[in-house]
Amino acid sequence: VVARNNFGTDRIFVTVTIKIPKKKEE
């Protein structure tokens, strides 16, 4: 899901973090 807003990049990162929080937390 890619949101076209000020948080466009943040949105992608958030989705990835939720999908693989272990990889982002590591």
N, C-alpha and C. Protein backbone atom coordinates (compact mmCIF):
# COMPACT_ATOMS: atom_id res chain seq x y z
N VAL A 1 0.85 -1.21 0.00
CA VAL A 1 0.00 0.00 0.00
C VAL A 1 0.88 1.25 0.00
N VAL A 2 0.73 2.05 -1.03
CA VAL A 2 1.55 3.26 -1.13
C VAL A 2 0.64 4.49 -1.06
N ALA A 3 0.81 5.27 0.00
CA ALA A 3 -0.02 6.47 0.17
C ALA A 3 0.68 7.68 -0.45
N ARG A 4 -0.05 8.45 -1.25
CA ARG A 4 0.55 9.62 -1.89
C ARG A 4 0.32 10.83 -1.00
N ASN A 5 1.12 10.96 0.03
CA ASN A 5 0.99 12.07 0.96
C ASN A 5 2.36 12.45 1.49
N ASN A 6 2.40 13.34 2.46
CA ASN A 6 3.68 13.73 3.06
C ASN A 6 4.36 12.52 3.69
N PHE A 7 3.54 11.54 4.06
CA PHE A 7 4.09 10.34 4.69
C PHE A 7 4.11 9.19 3.69
N GLY A 8 4.30 9.51 2.43
CA GLY A 8 4.33 8.47 1.39
C GLY A 8 5.39 7.44 1.70
N THR A 9 6.61 7.91 1.96
CA THR A 9 7.69 6.96 2.26
C THR A 9 7.48 6.35 3.64
N ASP A 10 7.01 7.16 4.58
CA ASP A 10 6.79 6.66 5.94
C ASP A 10 5.73 5.56 5.92
N ARG A 11 4.72 5.74 5.07
CA ARG A 11 3.63 4.78 4.98
C ARG A 11 4.20 3.40 4.59
N ILE A 12 5.09 3.40 3.61
CA ILE A 12 5.67 2.13 3.15
C ILE A 12 6.47 1.48 4.27
N PHE A 13 7.25 2.31 4.97
CA PHE A 13 8.08 1.78 6.05
C PHE A 13 7.20 1.20 7.15
N VAL A 14 6.11 1.88 7.45
CA VAL A 14 5.20 1.41 8.50
C VAL A 14 4.63 0.05 8.12
N THR A 15 4.23 -0.08 6.86
CA THR A 15 3.66 -1.36 6.40
C THR A 15 4.70 -2.46 6.52
N VAL A 16 5.93 -2.16 6.15
CA VAL A 16 7.00 -3.16 6.21
C VAL A 16 7.27 -3.54 7.66
N THR A 17 7.24 -2.53 8.53
CA THR A 17 7.51 -2.79 9.95
C THR A 17 6.44 -3.71 10.53
N ILE A 18 5.20 -3.50 10.13
CA ILE A 18 4.10 -4.32 10.64
C ILE A 18 4.21 -5.74 10.07
N LYS A 19 4.65 -5.82 8.80
CA LYS A 19 4.77 -7.13 8.16
C LYS A 19 5.94 -7.91 8.76
N ILE A 20 7.06 -7.22 8.98
CA ILE A 20 8.25 -7.89 9.53
C ILE A 20 8.88 -7.02 10.62
N PRO A 21 8.19 -6.91 11.76
CA PRO A 21 8.67 -6.07 12.86
C PRO A 21 9.98 -6.61 13.42
N LYS A 22 10.17 -7.89 13.33
CA LYS A 22 11.39 -8.50 13.87
C LYS A 22 12.61 -7.97 13.12
N LYS A 23 12.49 -7.87 11.79
CA LYS A 23 13.62 -7.42 10.98
C LYS A 23 13.90 -5.93 11.25
N LYS A 24 12.84 -5.17 11.47
CA LYS A 24 13.05 -3.73 11.69
C LYS A 24 13.54 -3.49 13.12
N GLU A 25 13.07 -4.29 14.05
CA GLU A 25 13.50 -4.12 15.45
C GLU A 25 14.95 -4.55 15.60
N GLU A 26 15.32 -5.57 14.83
CA GLU A 26 16.69 -6.06 14.89
C GLU A 26 17.60 -4.98 14.33
